[in-house]
Amino acid sequence: MKPLMIFGLDIDKLAGGRQGHYVIADPMRDHPRTKRAFRWIQWILAAEVVVGLSAIVVALVLESQGIHVEFAVWFRGLVVLFMTLTLFFFAWRAQLGYYWGYQRLRLFSQIFPVITLIVATIPGLYPYWMVIEQIIFAVLMIGIADFLTSDHMRDAYPSPKRLAELKARDA
């Protein structure tokens, strides 16, 4: 598989480090359960975009009605959109079989909900509607994490170390 090159930079190597070019076996990448998981993940990420855009639209409507919207709300709304776009990129690379994309997507889908829910509990930081948006965001991210941590997906995306151990054991 050809690495992704942008402005002469090998993005897979840059994002994935020493495992940047490690790609899972074609039969696992093309397995119906793997493909189905990524279809669901794409839909969930699309829902995340809708949630993020909704937060920005609500903030714009409030501002247009003369209600001041705090900087934290704008910052959070924009960060969620950029994070979601980044997660789409990770999902795309993982869907092509890149282990690093799967690993990053799995890591962030497990960490972001925890951080989001902790931040949502800070009294007075966000208005009530933004807290609800954060809870929805977290629940959707947990859905992505659930797909990625299934037995099938963990078997489909073995780490290079685990793959070497399996090969050594089978030899």
Protein backbone atom coordinates (compact mmCIF):
# COMPACT_ATOMS: atom_id res chain seq x y z
CA MET A 1 0.00 0.00 0.00
CA LYS A 2 1.32 3.42 -0.91
CA PRO A 3 1.94 5.80 1.99
CA LEU A 4 0.09 9.10 2.03
CA MET A 5 2.39 11.88 0.83
CA ILE A 6 1.53 15.56 1.30
CA PHE A 7 4.05 18.27 0.37
CA GLY A 8 6.72 15.59 0.25
CA LEU A 9 5.96 14.44 3.80
CA ASP A 10 5.12 10.81 4.48
CA ILE A 11 2.01 11.40 6.62
CA ASP A 12 1.69 7.75 7.66
CA LYS A 13 5.26 7.71 8.94
CA LEU A 14 4.81 11.10 10.60
CA ALA A 15 1.54 10.14 12.32
CA GLY A 16 2.32 6.49 13.00
CA GLY A 17 6.00 6.67 13.86
CA ARG A 18 7.97 3.46 13.46
CA GLN A 19 4.69 1.58 12.87
CA GLY A 20 3.56 4.07 10.24
CA HIS A 21 3.70 1.60 7.37
CA TYR A 22 2.47 -1.47 9.22
CA VAL A 23 -0.74 -2.60 7.53
CA ILE A 24 -2.96 -5.48 8.65
CA ALA A 25 -3.56 -8.52 6.46
CA ASP A 26 -5.99 -8.04 3.56
CA PRO A 27 -8.39 -10.80 4.68
CA MET A 28 -8.92 -9.06 8.03
CA ARG A 29 -9.22 -5.61 6.46
CA ASP A 30 -11.75 -6.93 3.94
CA HIS A 31 -13.66 -9.07 6.45
CA PRO A 32 -17.40 -8.23 6.52
CA ARG A 33 -17.32 -7.54 10.27
CA THR A 34 -14.44 -5.10 9.86
CA LYS A 35 -16.21 -3.32 7.02
CA ARG A 36 -19.47 -3.18 9.01
CA ALA A 37 -17.68 -1.75 12.05
CA PHE A 38 -16.17 1.03 9.96
CA ARG A 39 -19.52 1.82 8.33
CA TRP A 40 -20.97 2.32 11.81
CA ILE A 41 -17.95 4.35 12.90
CA GLN A 42 -18.35 6.64 9.87
CA TRP A 43 -22.02 7.18 10.74
CA ILE A 44 -21.20 7.91 14.36
CA LEU A 45 -18.50 10.38 13.33
CA ALA A 46 -21.01 12.05 10.99
CA ALA A 47 -23.36 12.37 13.97
CA GLU A 48 -20.47 13.91 15.91
CA VAL A 49 -20.11 16.54 13.18
CA VAL A 50 -23.83 17.30 13.41
CA VAL A 51 -23.55 17.64 17.19
CA GLY A 52 -20.53 19.95 16.85
CA LEU A 53 -22.17 22.07 14.15
CA SER A 54 -25.34 22.27 16.23
CA ALA A 55 -23.37 23.72 19.13
CA ILE A 56 -21.88 26.38 16.85
CA VAL A 57 -25.32 27.18 15.39
CA VAL A 58 -26.88 27.51 18.86
CA ALA A 59 -24.05 29.83 19.92
CA LEU A 60 -24.50 31.92 16.74
CA VAL A 61 -28.25 32.19 17.30
CA LEU A 62 -27.75 33.22 20.93
CA GLU A 63 -25.19 35.86 19.93
CA SER A 64 -27.50 37.17 17.20
CA GLN A 65 -30.21 37.62 19.85
CA GLY A 66 -27.85 39.66 22.00
CA ILE A 67 -27.05 36.90 24.49
CA HIS A 68 -23.34 36.79 25.23
CA VAL A 69 -21.74 33.41 24.60
CA GLU A 70 -18.59 32.76 26.60
CA PHE A 71 -15.25 32.10 24.92
CA ALA A 72 -15.19 28.57 26.41
CA VAL A 73 -18.31 27.67 24.40
CA TRP A 74 -16.82 28.89 21.11
CA PHE A 75 -13.51 27.20 21.86
CA ARG A 76 -15.18 23.91 22.77
CA GLY A 77 -17.40 23.97 19.69
CA LEU A 78 -14.51 24.55 17.30
CA VAL A 79 -12.25 22.03 19.03
CA VAL A 80 -14.93 19.34 18.77
CA LEU A 81 -15.25 19.95 15.04
CA PHE A 82 -11.51 19.79 14.46
CA MET A 83 -11.18 16.70 16.65
CA THR A 84 -13.92 14.98 14.71
CA LEU A 85 -12.25 15.78 11.40
CA THR A 86 -9.03 14.32 12.78
CA LEU A 87 -10.91 11.19 13.87
CA PHE A 88 -12.33 10.88 10.34
CA PHE A 89 -8.75 10.91 9.05
CA PHE A 90 -7.70 8.21 11.56
CA ALA A 91 -10.75 6.12 10.62
CA TRP A 92 -9.94 6.46 6.92
CA ARG A 93 -6.37 5.26 7.43
CA ALA A 94 -7.51 2.45 9.75
CA GLN A 95 -10.10 1.36 7.21
CA LEU A 96 -7.28 1.06 4.68
CA GLY A 97 -5.56 -1.28 7.14
CA TYR A 98 -3.08 1.03 8.82
CA TYR A 99 -2.55 -0.13 12.39
CA TRP A 100 -1.55 3.33 13.57
CA GLY A 101 -4.90 4.78 12.39
CA TYR A 102 -6.81 2.10 14.27
CA GLN A 103 -4.68 2.58 17.38
CA ARG A 104 -5.07 6.38 17.40
CA LEU A 105 -8.81 6.18 16.76
CA ARG A 106 -9.23 3.63 19.55
CA LEU A 107 -7.12 5.63 21.98
CA PHE A 108 -8.92 8.92 21.38
CA SER A 109 -12.38 7.33 21.39
CA GLN A 110 -11.60 6.03 24.87
CA ILE A 111 -9.96 9.19 26.23
CA PHE A 112 -12.19 11.93 24.79
CA PRO A 113 -15.40 10.79 26.54
CA VAL A 114 -13.68 10.75 29.93
CA ILE A 115 -12.19 14.21 29.45
CA THR A 116 -15.45 15.54 28.03
CA LEU A 117 -17.53 14.27 30.94
CA ILE A 118 -15.05 15.59 33.51
CA VAL A 119 -15.04 19.03 31.91
CA ALA A 120 -18.85 18.96 31.69
CA THR A 121 -19.02 18.62 35.49
CA ILE A 122 -17.11 21.85 36.15
CA PRO A 123 -19.76 24.15 37.62
CA GLY A 124 -20.51 27.25 35.56
CA LEU A 125 -18.00 26.56 32.80
CA TYR A 126 -20.63 25.87 30.16
CA PRO A 127 -24.32 26.66 29.82
CA TYR A 128 -26.74 23.78 30.33
CA TRP A 129 -27.27 23.21 26.60
CA MET A 130 -23.50 22.84 26.10
CA VAL A 131 -23.30 20.29 28.92
CA ILE A 132 -26.01 18.28 27.13
CA GLU A 133 -23.98 18.56 23.89
CA GLN A 134 -20.91 17.25 25.71
CA ILE A 135 -22.81 14.29 27.11
CA ILE A 136 -24.12 13.41 23.62
CA PHE A 137 -20.58 13.77 22.23
CA ALA A 138 -19.23 11.44 24.94
CA VAL A 139 -21.92 8.81 24.37
CA LEU A 140 -21.22 8.78 20.64
CA MET A 141 -17.48 8.44 21.29
CA ILE A 142 -18.14 5.52 23.62
CA GLY A 143 -20.03 3.91 20.73
CA ILE A 144 -16.95 4.22 18.53
CA ALA A 145 -14.75 2.80 21.27
CA ASP A 146 -17.15 -0.12 21.68
CA PHE A 147 -16.77 -1.06 18.00
CA LEU A 148 -12.99 -0.69 18.08
CA THR A 149 -12.47 -2.77 21.21
CA SER A 150 -14.61 -5.70 20.05
CA ASP A 151 -12.88 -9.08 19.93
CA HIS A 152 -13.03 -9.08 16.15
CA MET A 153 -11.43 -5.66 15.75
CA ARG A 154 -8.67 -6.42 18.25
CA ASP A 155 -7.96 -9.64 16.33
CA ALA A 156 -8.09 -7.81 13.00
CA TYR A 157 -5.63 -5.15 14.16
CA PRO A 158 -2.93 -6.96 16.12
CA SER A 159 -0.03 -4.79 17.21
CA PRO A 160 3.27 -5.57 15.47
CA LYS A 161 4.57 -6.95 18.77
CA ARG A 162 1.54 -9.22 19.25
CA LEU A 163 1.74 -10.38 15.63
CA ALA A 164 5.41 -11.32 16.08
CA GLU A 165 4.51 -13.25 19.27
CA LEU A 166 1.73 -15.12 17.47
CA LYS A 167 4.05 -16.01 14.58
CA ALA A 168 6.76 -17.19 16.99
CA ARG A 169 4.25 -19.33 18.88
CA ASP A 170 2.89 -20.87 15.67
CA ALA A 171 6.37 -21.61 14.28
